[in-house]
Structure formats: structure tokens, C-alpha cells
């Protein structure tokens, strides 16, 4: 296939490009580098099956060539870190545009070429869930005007727009709801638990846990996630599908695992809970649909995934 990947220079987008090329497909990567990084794609320079277009997907997309088989829309700021210039809290308009106009323009390309379309959505559409674990049938518990809403509502709108194009225009669409994912090429200042803890442990700092650390997450290694997404692309499933690891642990347990793995002599330090409004207390995917329609479930456990991730963070660790 010939595939357009928006957000190709991001953490997930770059891994997706790698997988598609490894499967023998031709990839057109697109990114405007607001949060994506050229170094994530540097290893693809000179690759005959990869080309790149620097472009903002909130503007009209014009592609060369007369053939396109799939559009995979991954362009969006995704970090919740309010202290990072790359976080969606500090890029609110760009985030809404990526989810709104970016989805509209990407769907327009799919319609023009008769290509299948896959939207990268998120577990954030469930908000701070009142149902646990979260199945795709759950409508969510989201504050539509909170600081996190620029990301949550952009993705919820993108899902609605994708299904509208499917129902009205007959576009062959898919929606993946991505749960917490980690691995090489994450930004060290991403603001999420895994990069925070890894960077602190690698530099001998105490691991900072906000509150008592009882809040939970379910961490999926990036290779597992990409496998699920690739299977979804090749499937005939139009309904949203959760892709994530259902093994739920507390943030405190994660900190202890990372300290033990890196033999960090510093302890865990508890700080006042500064999590933002709408930051979920618990997060765990129900992956029954992924098992049923894709034959997918994660195979990399947390210990192995962290071990695979370490070399990247060791190379780019930030000293205090």
C-alpha cells in the first residue's frame, strides 16, 4: 500500500512508519514539527519507500501522485505536562486544530483517493472514568471546559467526524483508542510517569510521586501498540477499538519497579497532589473487542518493556 501518516515525526508516528515500511508499504510522512522531532525520522533518510512532507494538517493537504491506499491520522500534541512547551495545555489552539481541521483535511484526502482512514484517538475520551475497566461502549466522564478539554474534546470531535464520513460518504474508517504507551523516542520532558521516573532514576534523583501514588495506569510497550494498530488497519472493523495493556498498577508500584531495575539508591519522595482537574484516578482498558476482532493482546510485560526502553533514555538523559 501507499500510506500517508500524519504526525510521522512523533513518538508513535515514527514507530508506525517503521512498521509499515518493514511490511513492504510505501510511506509518506507528514509533520510540522510543533511537537514531532526530525531525529525520530533521521534513520529513514535515503529509504526508498519513505518520503516526507513538512506540512500543518490544519491546512489543506495536497499530495503528489495518483494513488493512495490509506491515511493514518496521528498528528496532535499529546503530552499532558503543563510545564512543557510541547504539552497540549500550552498548545491549546494547535491541539484543537489538529483534532478538528486536521481530521477534516485528512478525511478529505482519504475521500479524494478512495483510501481507508485510521484515526488515532485516545483513552482520554473516557475522562475520569466512572466505569472500570473502560469498554468502548462507555461514553465517558469528561469536563468539556477544563484545561485538559482541548485534547479530550478534540479527540471526541475527531471520532464523531470520522464516523460521520463513514456513514454519509461511505469512507472505510477505523478508530483506535490508545491507552498509556511508552518506549524509545518519548520526549524526556513528556510529563508522564514512565519518562519522568526513568530520567530521575538514571540521574540518581529521588522519584517524585504526587499524592500517595495510589492512582493507577496500564502501560503498553510501543511495539505491542503498533502491532494492534497495524492489525486494525488491515481489518474491517469500523467501531472504535481499545488498544492498551490491561495490567493495571499504581504509580507508586511503577516508581518502585523502576528504582529496583536501575538500582537507584534514592528513595521515592511524595509531593502534594498537583494533578490537574480531570486527570483520571484509574485507567485500564477492556480489550475484549481487540481480542475478538483483531486476535490481539499485548505480549511484552512491563519489566521487559522498560528494559528495552532504557538504552534510549540512557543516551538522552537530562542531568539535574
C-alpha atoms as a PDB file:
ATOM      1  CA  UNK A   1       0.000   0.000   0.000  1.00  0.00           C
ATOM      2  CA  UNK A   2       0.882   3.656  -0.299  1.00  0.00           C
ATOM      3  CA  UNK A   3       0.128   5.210   3.106  1.00  0.00           C
ATOM      4  CA  UNK A   4       0.027   8.779   4.435  1.00  0.00           C
ATOM      5  CA  UNK A   5       0.989   9.061   8.114  1.00  0.00           C
ATOM      6  CA  UNK A   6       0.322  12.442   9.707  1.00  0.00           C
ATOM      7  CA  UNK A   7       2.319  13.201  12.844  1.00  0.00           C
ATOM      8  CA  UNK A   8       5.053  10.975  11.427  1.00  0.00           C
ATOM      9  CA  UNK A   9       7.857  12.611  13.442  1.00  0.00           C
ATOM     10  CA  UNK A  10       6.146  11.954  16.765  1.00  0.00           C
ATOM     11  CA  UNK A  11       6.732   9.118  19.215  1.00  0.00           C
ATOM     12  CA  UNK A  12       4.006   6.832  17.857  1.00  0.00           C
ATOM     13  CA  UNK A  13       4.020   8.138  14.289  1.00  0.00           C
ATOM     14  CA  UNK A  14       7.687   7.348  13.766  1.00  0.00           C
ATOM     15  CA  UNK A  15       7.302   3.786  15.070  1.00  0.00           C
ATOM     16  CA  UNK A  16       4.281   3.360  12.813  1.00  0.00           C
ATOM     17  CA  UNK A  17       6.325   4.462   9.791  1.00  0.00           C
ATOM     18  CA  UNK A  18       8.961   1.873  10.680  1.00  0.00           C
ATOM     19  CA  UNK A  19       6.383  -0.911  10.895  1.00  0.00           C
ATOM     20  CA  UNK A  20       4.671  -0.004   7.623  1.00  0.00           C
ATOM     21  CA  UNK A  21       7.984   0.094   5.757  1.00  0.00           C
ATOM     22  CA  UNK A  22       9.043  -3.216   7.312  1.00  0.00           C
ATOM     23  CA  UNK A  23       5.795  -4.719   5.978  1.00  0.00           C
ATOM     24  CA  UNK A  24       6.690  -3.571   2.449  1.00  0.00           C
ATOM     25  CA  UNK A  25       4.453  -0.496   2.186  1.00  0.00           C
ATOM     26  CA  UNK A  26       5.374   2.931   0.793  1.00  0.00           C
ATOM     27  CA  UNK A  27       5.015   5.685   3.401  1.00  0.00           C
ATOM     28  CA  UNK A  28       4.502   9.421   3.038  1.00  0.00           C
ATOM     29  CA  UNK A  29       5.297  11.030   6.382  1.00  0.00           C
ATOM     30  CA  UNK A  30       3.808  14.421   7.246  1.00  0.00           C
ATOM     31  CA  UNK A  31       4.598  16.647  10.226  1.00  0.00           C
ATOM     32  CA  UNK A  32       5.017  20.337  11.056  1.00  0.00           C
ATOM     33  CA  UNK A  33       7.473  19.674  13.918  1.00  0.00           C
ATOM     34  CA  UNK A  34       5.494  21.520  16.583  1.00  0.00           C
ATOM     35  CA  UNK A  35       5.971  18.517  18.848  1.00  0.00           C
ATOM     36  CA  UNK A  36       7.472  15.931  16.472  1.00  0.00           C
ATOM     37  CA  UNK A  37      11.244  15.768  16.047  1.00  0.00           C
ATOM     38  CA  UNK A  38      13.352  15.322  12.892  1.00  0.00           C
ATOM     39  CA  UNK A  39      15.669  12.923  14.736  1.00  0.00           C
ATOM     40  CA  UNK A  40      12.799  10.442  15.096  1.00  0.00           C
ATOM     41  CA  UNK A  41      12.878  10.009  11.317  1.00  0.00           C
ATOM     42  CA  UNK A  42      16.602  10.502  10.688  1.00  0.00           C
ATOM     43  CA  UNK A  43      17.180   6.762  10.330  1.00  0.00           C
ATOM     44  CA  UNK A  44      14.752   6.715   7.367  1.00  0.00           C
ATOM     45  CA  UNK A  45      16.785   9.179   5.293  1.00  0.00           C
ATOM     46  CA  UNK A  46      17.546   7.532   1.963  1.00  0.00           C
ATOM     47  CA  UNK A  47      14.925   4.826   2.497  1.00  0.00           C
ATOM     48  CA  UNK A  48      13.369   4.214  -0.935  1.00  0.00           C
ATOM     49  CA  UNK A  49       9.907   3.526   0.472  1.00  0.00           C
ATOM     50  CA  UNK A  50       9.759   6.687   2.588  1.00  0.00           C
ATOM     51  CA  UNK A  51       9.169  10.303   1.628  1.00  0.00           C
ATOM     52  CA  UNK A  52       8.434  13.283   3.833  1.00  0.00           C
ATOM     53  CA  UNK A  53       6.364  16.456   3.538  1.00  0.00           C
ATOM     54  CA  UNK A  54       6.639  19.214   6.131  1.00  0.00           C
ATOM     55  CA  UNK A  55       3.098  20.481   6.494  1.00  0.00           C
ATOM     56  CA  UNK A  56       0.495  21.554   9.062  1.00  0.00           C
ATOM     57  CA  UNK A  57      -2.507  19.249   8.701  1.00  0.00           C
ATOM     58  CA  UNK A  58      -4.859  22.021   9.791  1.00  0.00           C
ATOM     59  CA  UNK A  59      -4.185  23.481   6.326  1.00  0.00           C
ATOM     60  CA  UNK A  60      -5.401  21.888   3.080  1.00  0.00           C
ATOM     61  CA  UNK A  61      -3.401  18.753   2.239  1.00  0.00           C
ATOM     62  CA  UNK A  62      -2.182  18.352  -1.331  1.00  0.00           C
ATOM     63  CA  UNK A  63      -0.363  15.112  -2.114  1.00  0.00           C
ATOM     64  CA  UNK A  64       1.700  14.172  -5.162  1.00  0.00           C
ATOM     65  CA  UNK A  65       0.780  11.048  -7.085  1.00  0.00           C
ATOM     66  CA  UNK A  66      -2.467   9.479  -8.227  1.00  0.00           C
ATOM     67  CA  UNK A  67      -2.548   6.540  -5.798  1.00  0.00           C
ATOM     68  CA  UNK A  68      -3.114   6.421  -2.051  1.00  0.00           C
ATOM     69  CA  UNK A  69      -4.412   3.390  -0.179  1.00  0.00           C
ATOM     70  CA  UNK A  70      -4.573   4.539   3.446  1.00  0.00           C
ATOM     71  CA  UNK A  71      -4.463   7.652   5.618  1.00  0.00           C
ATOM     72  CA  UNK A  72      -3.415   7.295   9.270  1.00  0.00           C
ATOM     73  CA  UNK A  73      -4.047  10.478  11.248  1.00  0.00           C
ATOM     74  CA  UNK A  74      -1.678  10.685  14.226  1.00  0.00           C
ATOM     75  CA  UNK A  75      -0.904  14.426  14.216  1.00  0.00           C
ATOM     76  CA  UNK A  76      -1.565  16.090  17.577  1.00  0.00           C
ATOM     77  CA  UNK A  77       0.224  17.329  20.670  1.00  0.00           C
ATOM     78  CA  UNK A  78      -0.256  14.587  23.261  1.00  0.00           C
ATOM     79  CA  UNK A  79       1.748  15.422  26.387  1.00  0.00           C
ATOM     80  CA  UNK A  80      -0.284  16.470  29.453  1.00  0.00           C
ATOM     81  CA  UNK A  81       2.744  18.203  31.030  1.00  0.00           C
ATOM     82  CA  UNK A  82       1.701  21.811  31.841  1.00  0.00           C
ATOM     83  CA  UNK A  83       5.366  22.740  32.340  1.00  0.00           C
ATOM     84  CA  UNK A  84       6.437  21.627  28.876  1.00  0.00           C
ATOM     85  CA  UNK A  85       6.232  23.871  25.794  1.00  0.00           C
ATOM     86  CA  UNK A  86       5.224  20.729  23.899  1.00  0.00           C
ATOM     87  CA  UNK A  87       2.270  19.918  26.160  1.00  0.00           C
ATOM     88  CA  UNK A  88      -1.242  20.377  24.836  1.00  0.00           C
ATOM     89  CA  UNK A  89      -2.101  22.696  27.738  1.00  0.00           C
ATOM     90  CA  UNK A  90       0.400  25.160  26.276  1.00  0.00           C
ATOM     91  CA  UNK A  91      -0.635  24.452  22.675  1.00  0.00           C
ATOM     92  CA  UNK A  92      -4.415  24.595  23.094  1.00  0.00           C
ATOM     93  CA  UNK A  93      -5.379  26.097  19.746  1.00  0.00           C
ATOM     94  CA  UNK A  94      -2.964  23.910  17.782  1.00  0.00           C
ATOM     95  CA  UNK A  95      -4.335  20.836  19.584  1.00  0.00           C
ATOM     96  CA  UNK A  96      -7.931  21.711  18.745  1.00  0.00           C
ATOM     97  CA  UNK A  97      -6.967  22.424  15.133  1.00  0.00           C
ATOM     98  CA  UNK A  98      -5.155  19.094  14.800  1.00  0.00           C
ATOM     99  CA  UNK A  99      -8.193  17.231  16.094  1.00  0.00           C
ATOM    100  CA  UNK A 100     -10.737  19.301  14.186  1.00  0.00           C
ATOM    101  CA  UNK A 101      -9.341  20.746  10.958  1.00  0.00           C
ATOM    102  CA  UNK A 102      -6.569  18.138  10.799  1.00  0.00           C
ATOM    103  CA  UNK A 103      -9.073  15.298  10.947  1.00  0.00           C
ATOM    104  CA  UNK A 104     -11.313  17.039   8.414  1.00  0.00           C
ATOM    105  CA  UNK A 105      -8.451  17.554   5.956  1.00  0.00           C
ATOM    106  CA  UNK A 106      -7.116  14.017   6.445  1.00  0.00           C
ATOM    107  CA  UNK A 107     -10.573  12.564   5.849  1.00  0.00           C
ATOM    108  CA  UNK A 108     -10.817  14.747   2.743  1.00  0.00           C
ATOM    109  CA  UNK A 109      -7.645  13.169   1.374  1.00  0.00           C
ATOM    110  CA  UNK A 110      -8.988   9.678   2.099  1.00  0.00           C
ATOM    111  CA  UNK A 111     -12.238  10.528   0.333  1.00  0.00           C
ATOM    112  CA  UNK A 112     -10.475  12.033  -2.696  1.00  0.00           C
ATOM    113  CA  UNK A 113      -8.300   8.939  -3.181  1.00  0.00           C
ATOM    114  CA  UNK A 114     -10.838   6.331  -2.084  1.00  0.00           C
ATOM    115  CA  UNK A 115      -8.412   5.333   0.681  1.00  0.00           C
ATOM    116  CA  UNK A 116      -9.134   3.726   4.018  1.00  0.00           C
ATOM    117  CA  UNK A 117      -8.752   6.010   7.038  1.00  0.00           C
ATOM    118  CA  UNK A 118      -7.496   5.291  10.556  1.00  0.00           C
ATOM    119  CA  UNK A 119      -7.871   7.821  13.374  1.00  0.00           C
ATOM    120  CA  UNK A 120      -5.557   7.778  16.377  1.00  0.00           C
ATOM    121  CA  UNK A 121      -7.922   8.524  19.239  1.00  0.00           C
ATOM    122  CA  UNK A 122      -7.215   8.156  22.939  1.00  0.00           C
ATOM    123  CA  UNK A 123      -8.332   6.731  26.249  1.00  0.00           C
ATOM    124  CA  UNK A 124      -8.677  10.364  27.320  1.00  0.00           C
ATOM    125  CA  UNK A 125     -12.088  10.398  25.654  1.00  0.00           C
ATOM    126  CA  UNK A 126     -13.262   8.425  28.719  1.00  0.00           C
ATOM    127  CA  UNK A 127     -12.172  11.281  31.004  1.00  0.00           C
ATOM    128  CA  UNK A 128     -12.024  10.423  34.702  1.00  0.00           C
ATOM    129  CA  UNK A 129     -13.990   7.199  34.255  1.00  0.00           C
ATOM    130  CA  UNK A 130     -16.849   6.057  36.443  1.00  0.00           C
ATOM    131  CA  UNK A 131     -16.765   2.627  34.750  1.00  0.00           C
ATOM    132  CA  UNK A 132     -13.751   0.364  35.273  1.00  0.00           C
ATOM    133  CA  UNK A 133     -12.184  -1.071  33.215  1.00  0.00           C
ATOM    134  CA  UNK A 134     -13.270   1.049  30.254  1.00  0.00           C
ATOM    135  CA  UNK A 135     -15.036  -0.710  27.347  1.00  0.00           C
ATOM    136  CA  UNK A 136     -15.599   1.027  24.015  1.00  0.00           C
ATOM    137  CA  UNK A 137     -19.316   1.227  24.821  1.00  0.00           C
ATOM    138  CA  UNK A 138     -18.628   3.619  27.739  1.00  0.00           C
ATOM    139  CA  UNK A 139     -19.437   7.223  26.817  1.00  0.00           C
ATOM    140  CA  UNK A 140     -17.032   8.776  29.279  1.00  0.00           C
ATOM    141  CA  UNK A 141     -16.950  11.296  32.120  1.00  0.00           C
ATOM    142  CA  UNK A 142     -15.279  14.406  30.685  1.00  0.00           C
ATOM    143  CA  UNK A 143     -15.184  18.060  31.684  1.00  0.00           C
ATOM    144  CA  UNK A 144     -15.749  19.834  28.333  1.00  0.00           C
ATOM    145  CA  UNK A 145     -14.238  23.158  29.510  1.00  0.00           C
ATOM    146  CA  UNK A 146     -11.361  22.046  31.754  1.00  0.00           C
ATOM    147  CA  UNK A 147      -7.723  22.653  30.822  1.00  0.00           C
ATOM    148  CA  UNK A 148      -7.430  19.082  29.527  1.00  0.00           C
ATOM    149  CA  UNK A 149     -10.528  19.501  27.360  1.00  0.00           C
ATOM    150  CA  UNK A 150      -8.539  20.878  24.422  1.00  0.00           C
ATOM    151  CA  UNK A 151      -7.152  17.365  23.929  1.00  0.00           C
ATOM    152  CA  UNK A 152     -10.101  15.304  25.174  1.00  0.00           C
ATOM    153  CA  UNK A 153     -12.744  17.160  23.188  1.00  0.00           C
ATOM    154  CA  UNK A 154     -10.588  17.421  20.069  1.00  0.00           C
ATOM    155  CA  UNK A 155     -10.358  13.617  20.013  1.00  0.00           C
ATOM    156  CA  UNK A 156     -14.060  13.167  20.784  1.00  0.00           C
ATOM    157  CA  UNK A 157     -14.919  15.517  17.922  1.00  0.00           C
ATOM    158  CA  UNK A 158     -12.469  13.679  15.654  1.00  0.00           C
ATOM    159  CA  UNK A 159     -14.212  10.381  16.390  1.00  0.00           C
ATOM    160  CA  UNK A 160     -17.627  11.889  15.636  1.00  0.00           C
ATOM    161  CA  UNK A 161     -16.333  13.399  12.381  1.00  0.00           C
ATOM    162  CA  UNK A 162     -14.723  10.114  11.342  1.00  0.00           C
ATOM    163  CA  UNK A 163     -17.965   8.175  11.846  1.00  0.00           C
ATOM    164  CA  UNK A 164     -19.915  10.922  10.053  1.00  0.00           C
ATOM    165  CA  UNK A 165     -17.677  10.495   6.984  1.00  0.00           C
ATOM    166  CA  UNK A 166     -18.116   6.742   7.244  1.00  0.00           C
ATOM    167  CA  UNK A 167     -21.904   6.923   7.448  1.00  0.00           C
ATOM    168  CA  UNK A 168     -22.510   9.785   4.999  1.00  0.00           C
ATOM    169  CA  UNK A 169     -19.675   9.423   2.461  1.00  0.00           C
ATOM    170  CA  UNK A 170     -19.021   5.704   2.830  1.00  0.00           C
ATOM    171  CA  UNK A 171     -15.362   6.211   3.778  1.00  0.00           C
ATOM    172  CA  UNK A 172     -13.705   3.000   5.007  1.00  0.00           C
ATOM    173  CA  UNK A 173     -12.764   4.169   8.514  1.00  0.00           C
ATOM    174  CA  UNK A 174     -11.178   2.781  11.686  1.00  0.00           C
ATOM    175  CA  UNK A 175     -10.698   4.317  15.145  1.00  0.00           C
ATOM    176  CA  UNK A 176      -8.085   3.220  17.678  1.00  0.00           C
ATOM    177  CA  UNK A 177      -8.383   4.386  21.276  1.00  0.00           C
ATOM    178  CA  UNK A 178      -4.805   4.390  22.551  1.00  0.00           C
ATOM    179  CA  UNK A 179      -4.063   3.816  26.238  1.00  0.00           C
ATOM    180  CA  UNK A 180      -0.853   4.751  28.056  1.00  0.00           C
ATOM    181  CA  UNK A 181       2.106   3.761  25.885  1.00  0.00           C
ATOM    182  CA  UNK A 182       5.848   4.005  26.499  1.00  0.00           C
ATOM    183  CA  UNK A 183       9.078   3.195  24.705  1.00  0.00           C
ATOM    184  CA  UNK A 184      12.023   4.702  22.815  1.00  0.00           C
ATOM    185  CA  UNK A 185      11.551   8.168  21.256  1.00  0.00           C
ATOM    186  CA  UNK A 186       9.338   9.522  24.011  1.00  0.00           C
ATOM    187  CA  UNK A 187      10.311  13.049  24.984  1.00  0.00           C
ATOM    188  CA  UNK A 188      12.184  13.076  28.270  1.00  0.00           C
ATOM    189  CA  UNK A 189      10.065  16.074  29.331  1.00  0.00           C
ATOM    190  CA  UNK A 190       6.846  14.401  28.206  1.00  0.00           C
ATOM    191  CA  UNK A 191       5.439  14.771  31.709  1.00  0.00           C
ATOM    192  CA  UNK A 192       4.065  11.261  32.027  1.00  0.00           C
ATOM    193  CA  UNK A 193       5.168   8.786  34.672  1.00  0.00           C
ATOM    194  CA  UNK A 194       7.496   6.483  32.708  1.00  0.00           C
ATOM    195  CA  UNK A 195       9.803   9.157  31.208  1.00  0.00           C
ATOM    196  CA  UNK A 196       9.750  11.153  34.456  1.00  0.00           C
ATOM    197  CA  UNK A 197      10.754   8.190  36.590  1.00  0.00           C
ATOM    198  CA  UNK A 198      13.317   6.807  34.151  1.00  0.00           C
ATOM    199  CA  UNK A 199      15.078  10.137  33.822  1.00  0.00           C
ATOM    200  CA  UNK A 200      15.098  10.694  37.593  1.00  0.00           C
ATOM    201  CA  UNK A 201      16.400   7.186  38.319  1.00  0.00           C
ATOM    202  CA  UNK A 202      19.093   7.386  35.633  1.00  0.00           C
ATOM    203  CA  UNK A 203      20.415  10.609  37.158  1.00  0.00           C
ATOM    204  CA  UNK A 204      20.287   9.321  40.742  1.00  0.00           C
ATOM    205  CA  UNK A 205      17.440  11.559  41.825  1.00  0.00           C
ATOM    206  CA  UNK A 206      14.573  10.588  44.118  1.00  0.00           C
ATOM    207  CA  UNK A 207      11.447   9.613  42.192  1.00  0.00           C
ATOM    208  CA  UNK A 208       8.701  12.176  42.752  1.00  0.00           C
ATOM    209  CA  UNK A 209       5.204  10.807  43.268  1.00  0.00           C
ATOM    210  CA  UNK A 210       2.277  13.209  43.546  1.00  0.00           C
ATOM    211  CA  UNK A 211      -0.244  12.380  46.235  1.00  0.00           C
ATOM    212  CA  UNK A 212       0.039   8.923  47.780  1.00  0.00           C
ATOM    213  CA  UNK A 213       0.718   7.172  44.462  1.00  0.00           C
ATOM    214  CA  UNK A 214      -2.480   5.122  44.564  1.00  0.00           C
ATOM    215  CA  UNK A 215      -3.682   6.370  41.175  1.00  0.00           C
ATOM    216  CA  UNK A 216      -3.378   3.639  38.549  1.00  0.00           C
ATOM    217  CA  UNK A 217      -2.347   3.326  34.928  1.00  0.00           C
ATOM    218  CA  UNK A 218      -1.936   0.444  32.465  1.00  0.00           C
ATOM    219  CA  UNK A 219       1.289   0.690  30.493  1.00  0.00           C
ATOM    220  CA  UNK A 220       1.633  -0.755  26.983  1.00  0.00           C
ATOM    221  CA  UNK A 221       5.002  -1.131  25.257  1.00  0.00           C
ATOM    222  CA  UNK A 222       5.102   0.680  21.922  1.00  0.00           C
ATOM    223  CA  UNK A 223       5.766  -2.420  19.781  1.00  0.00           C
ATOM    224  CA  UNK A 224       2.629  -4.079  21.155  1.00  0.00           C
ATOM    225  CA  UNK A 225       0.598  -0.966  20.453  1.00  0.00           C
ATOM    226  CA  UNK A 226       1.845  -0.675  16.862  1.00  0.00           C
ATOM    227  CA  UNK A 227       1.043  -4.357  16.277  1.00  0.00           C
ATOM    228  CA  UNK A 228      -2.549  -3.737  17.363  1.00  0.00           C
ATOM    229  CA  UNK A 229      -2.860  -0.632  15.210  1.00  0.00           C
ATOM    230  CA  UNK A 230      -1.474  -2.421  12.165  1.00  0.00           C
ATOM    231  CA  UNK A 231      -3.949  -5.264  12.623  1.00  0.00           C
ATOM    232  CA  UNK A 232      -6.766  -2.736  12.925  1.00  0.00           C
ATOM    233  CA  UNK A 233      -5.699  -1.036   9.682  1.00  0.00           C
ATOM    234  CA  UNK A 234      -5.946  -4.355   7.834  1.00  0.00           C
ATOM    235  CA  UNK A 235      -9.248  -5.324   9.470  1.00  0.00           C
ATOM    236  CA  UNK A 236     -12.831  -4.498   8.520  1.00  0.00           C
ATOM    237  CA  UNK A 237     -13.694  -3.100  11.966  1.00  0.00           C
ATOM    238  CA  UNK A 238     -15.307   0.365  11.876  1.00  0.00           C
ATOM    239  CA  UNK A 239     -16.173   0.686  15.563  1.00  0.00           C
ATOM    240  CA  UNK A 240     -13.621   2.175  17.998  1.00  0.00           C
ATOM    241  CA  UNK A 241     -11.163  -0.377  19.393  1.00  0.00           C
ATOM    242  CA  UNK A 242      -9.200  -0.033  22.643  1.00  0.00           C
ATOM    243  CA  UNK A 243      -5.515  -0.865  22.292  1.00  0.00           C
ATOM    244  CA  UNK A 244      -3.584  -0.963  25.545  1.00  0.00           C
ATOM    245  CA  UNK A 245      -2.254  -3.234  28.243  1.00  0.00           C
ATOM    246  CA  UNK A 246      -4.870  -4.272  30.820  1.00  0.00           C
ATOM    247  CA  UNK A 247      -2.224  -4.973  33.502  1.00  0.00           C
ATOM    248  CA  UNK A 248      -3.044  -2.182  35.954  1.00  0.00           C
ATOM    249  CA  UNK A 249      -0.539  -0.949  38.549  1.00  0.00           C
ATOM    250  CA  UNK A 250      -0.316   2.032  40.858  1.00  0.00           C
ATOM    251  CA  UNK A 251       2.049   4.900  40.163  1.00  0.00           C
ATOM    252  CA  UNK A 252       3.872   4.079  43.388  1.00  0.00           C
ATOM    253  CA  UNK A 253       4.405   0.483  42.218  1.00  0.00           C
ATOM    254  CA  UNK A 254       5.774   1.778  38.911  1.00  0.00           C
ATOM    255  CA  UNK A 255       8.242   4.027  40.744  1.00  0.00           C
ATOM    256  CA  UNK A 256       9.419   1.121  42.896  1.00  0.00           C
ATOM    257  CA  UNK A 257       9.872  -1.151  39.856  1.00  0.00           C
ATOM    258  CA  UNK A 258      11.968   1.471  38.047  1.00  0.00           C
ATOM    259  CA  UNK A 259      14.091   2.203  41.134  1.00  0.00           C
ATOM    260  CA  UNK A 260      14.744  -1.512  41.531  1.00  0.00           C
ATOM    261  CA  UNK A 261      15.502  -2.036  37.836  1.00  0.00           C
ATOM    262  CA  UNK A 262      18.065   0.778  37.760  1.00  0.00           C
ATOM    263  CA  UNK A 263      19.351   0.140  41.295  1.00  0.00           C
ATOM    264  CA  UNK A 264      18.714   3.782  42.114  1.00  0.00           C
ATOM    265  CA  UNK A 265      19.834   4.485  45.694  1.00  0.00           C
ATOM    266  CA  UNK A 266      17.444   7.423  46.040  1.00  0.00           C
ATOM    267  CA  UNK A 267      14.039   6.829  47.538  1.00  0.00           C
ATOM    268  CA  UNK A 268      10.548   7.784  46.405  1.00  0.00           C
ATOM    269  CA  UNK A 269       9.504  11.276  47.515  1.00  0.00           C
ATOM    270  CA  UNK A 270       5.836  12.148  47.952  1.00  0.00           C
ATOM    271  CA  UNK A 271       4.743  15.630  46.908  1.00  0.00           C
ATOM    272  CA  UNK A 272       1.385  17.383  47.227  1.00  0.00           C
ATOM    273  CA  UNK A 273      -1.077  16.147  44.614  1.00  0.00           C
ATOM    274  CA  UNK A 274      -0.809  18.659  41.757  1.00  0.00           C
ATOM    275  CA  UNK A 275      -2.582  16.576  39.174  1.00  0.00           C
ATOM    276  CA  UNK A 276      -4.867  18.722  37.081  1.00  0.00           C
ATOM    277  CA  UNK A 277      -8.612  18.695  37.082  1.00  0.00           C
ATOM    278  CA  UNK A 278      -9.892  15.762  35.055  1.00  0.00           C
ATOM    279  CA  UNK A 279      -6.704  13.729  35.448  1.00  0.00           C
ATOM    280  CA  UNK A 280      -8.134  10.218  35.853  1.00  0.00           C
ATOM    281  CA  UNK A 281      -7.696   8.359  39.124  1.00  0.00           C
ATOM    282  CA  UNK A 282      -7.839   4.965  37.413  1.00  0.00           C
ATOM    283  CA  UNK A 283      -7.114   3.866  33.856  1.00  0.00           C
ATOM    284  CA  UNK A 284      -7.389   0.356  32.432  1.00  0.00           C
ATOM    285  CA  UNK A 285      -8.628  -0.795  29.022  1.00  0.00           C
ATOM    286  CA  UNK A 286     -11.158  -3.502  28.385  1.00  0.00           C
ATOM    287  CA  UNK A 287      -9.533  -5.165  25.347  1.00  0.00           C
ATOM    288  CA  UNK A 288     -12.245  -7.746  24.701  1.00  0.00           C
ATOM    289  CA  UNK A 289     -13.035  -6.239  21.292  1.00  0.00           C
ATOM    290  CA  UNK A 290      -9.354  -6.181  20.253  1.00  0.00           C
ATOM    291  CA  UNK A 291      -9.059  -9.845  21.187  1.00  0.00           C
ATOM    292  CA  UNK A 292     -12.235 -10.735  19.315  1.00  0.00           C
ATOM    293  CA  UNK A 293     -11.892  -8.797  16.063  1.00  0.00           C
ATOM    294  CA  UNK A 294      -8.095  -8.458  15.794  1.00  0.00           C
ATOM    295  CA  UNK A 295      -6.830 -11.503  17.654  1.00  0.00           C
ATOM    296  CA  UNK A 296      -4.609  -9.048  19.541  1.00  0.00           C
ATOM    297  CA  UNK A 297      -3.340  -8.762  23.073  1.00  0.00           C
ATOM    298  CA  UNK A 298      -0.053  -7.390  24.430  1.00  0.00           C
ATOM    299  CA  UNK A 299       2.895  -9.754  24.775  1.00  0.00           C
ATOM    300  CA  UNK A 300       5.600  -7.523  26.328  1.00  0.00           C
ATOM    301  CA  UNK A 301       5.412  -7.257  30.113  1.00  0.00           C
ATOM    302  CA  UNK A 302       6.403  -4.107  31.980  1.00  0.00           C
ATOM    303  CA  UNK A 303       9.811  -5.347  33.120  1.00  0.00           C
ATOM    304  CA  UNK A 304      10.824  -6.342  29.570  1.00  0.00           C
ATOM    305  CA  UNK A 305       9.411  -3.169  28.045  1.00  0.00           C
ATOM    306  CA  UNK A 306      11.297  -0.941  30.475  1.00  0.00           C
ATOM    307  CA  UNK A 307      14.496  -2.878  29.749  1.00  0.00           C
ATOM    308  CA  UNK A 308      14.009  -2.286  26.016  1.00  0.00           C
ATOM    309  CA  UNK A 309      13.329   1.409  26.649  1.00  0.00           C
ATOM    310  CA  UNK A 310      16.350   2.054  28.869  1.00  0.00           C
ATOM    311  CA  UNK A 311      19.067   2.446  26.187  1.00  0.00           C
ATOM    312  CA  UNK A 312      17.204   5.353  24.593  1.00  0.00           C
ATOM    313  CA  UNK A 313      16.818   7.189  27.890  1.00  0.00           C
ATOM    314  CA  UNK A 314      20.402   6.446  28.870  1.00  0.00           C
ATOM    315  CA  UNK A 315      21.541   8.136  25.674  1.00  0.00           C
ATOM    316  CA  UNK A 316      19.408  11.232  26.169  1.00  0.00           C
ATOM    317  CA  UNK A 317      19.024  11.530  29.946  1.00  0.00           C
ATOM    318  CA  UNK A 318      18.770  15.039  31.351  1.00  0.00           C
ATOM    319  CA  UNK A 319      21.043  15.780  34.284  1.00  0.00           C
ATOM    320  CA  UNK A 320      19.552  17.884  37.089  1.00  0.00           C
END
